[in-house]
């Protein structure tokens, strides 16, 4: 009879442990989400506004990174 009570006690302790681990995981997730939102806010402040182009707009392009092929005759 003492064995059953002892086993039940261990089971309750394990359940408490699992519950506490779930709470810690939820707290960690909430902290990570908050940190992610703060980082996004900071990055958005540093980011310049995007130009809006419409069909027909004239734009200047750099050819610095284009690879040119010269065909010889």
Protein backbone atom coordinates (compact mmCIF):
# COMPACT_ATOMS: atom_id res chain seq x y z
CA UNK A 1 0.00 0.00 0.00
CA UNK A 2 2.85 2.39 0.78
CA UNK A 3 4.24 1.67 -2.68
CA UNK A 4 1.10 2.97 -4.43
CA UNK A 5 1.11 6.21 -2.48
CA UNK A 6 4.79 6.72 -3.25
CA UNK A 7 4.24 6.12 -6.95
CA UNK A 8 1.29 8.51 -7.05
CA UNK A 9 3.45 11.16 -5.41
CA UNK A 10 6.17 10.75 -8.03
CA UNK A 11 3.56 11.00 -10.76
CA UNK A 12 2.21 14.25 -9.30
CA UNK A 13 5.73 15.64 -9.11
CA UNK A 14 6.32 14.73 -12.76
CA UNK A 15 3.06 16.43 -13.75
CA UNK A 16 4.09 19.56 -11.86
CA UNK A 17 7.46 19.48 -13.61
CA UNK A 18 5.82 19.15 -17.04
CA UNK A 19 3.40 21.97 -16.24
CA UNK A 20 6.24 24.24 -15.12
CA UNK A 21 8.23 23.45 -18.28
CA UNK A 22 5.19 24.40 -20.38
CA UNK A 23 4.89 27.69 -18.49
CA UNK A 24 8.58 28.43 -19.02
CA UNK A 25 8.24 27.63 -22.73
CA UNK A 26 5.26 29.99 -23.07
CA UNK A 27 7.13 32.76 -21.24
CA UNK A 28 10.19 32.27 -23.46
CA UNK A 29 8.04 32.34 -26.59
CA UNK A 30 6.38 35.59 -25.47
CA UNK A 31 9.75 37.20 -24.77
CA UNK A 32 11.07 36.13 -28.18
CA UNK A 33 8.01 37.53 -29.96
CA UNK A 34 8.41 40.84 -28.12
CA UNK A 35 12.12 41.00 -28.98
CA UNK A 36 11.33 40.25 -32.63
CA UNK A 37 8.76 43.05 -32.74
CA UNK A 38 11.23 45.50 -31.18
CA UNK A 39 13.96 44.53 -33.66
CA UNK A 40 11.54 44.99 -36.57
CA UNK A 41 10.51 48.41 -35.28
CA UNK A 42 14.16 49.48 -34.97
CA UNK A 43 15.04 48.14 -38.44
CA UNK A 44 12.02 49.89 -40.00
CA UNK A 45 13.17 53.22 -38.54
CA UNK A 46 16.57 52.82 -40.24
CA UNK A 47 15.11 51.64 -43.54
CA UNK A 48 14.53 54.26 -46.20
CA UNK A 49 11.16 54.52 -47.87
CA UNK A 50 10.71 52.55 -51.05
CA UNK A 51 10.25 54.33 -54.35
CA UNK A 52 6.97 53.62 -56.08
CA UNK A 53 7.30 53.16 -59.86
CA UNK A 54 4.53 53.01 -62.42
CA UNK A 55 4.53 51.63 -65.92
CA UNK A 56 5.99 54.30 -68.18
CA UNK A 57 8.21 55.94 -65.53
CA UNK A 58 11.76 56.69 -66.61
CA UNK A 59 14.49 55.36 -64.33
CA UNK A 60 18.28 55.38 -64.33
CA UNK A 61 20.04 52.04 -64.02
CA UNK A 62 23.61 51.24 -63.11
CA UNK A 63 25.46 48.85 -65.39
CA UNK A 64 28.12 48.20 -62.75
CA UNK A 65 27.03 44.62 -62.05
CA UNK A 66 25.95 43.66 -65.57
CA UNK A 67 28.12 41.22 -67.50
CA UNK A 68 28.59 42.35 -71.05
CA UNK A 69 29.22 39.99 -73.92
CA UNK A 70 31.06 41.42 -76.88
CA UNK A 71 30.57 39.42 -80.07
CA UNK A 72 33.38 39.57 -82.57
CA UNK A 73 32.63 39.50 -86.24
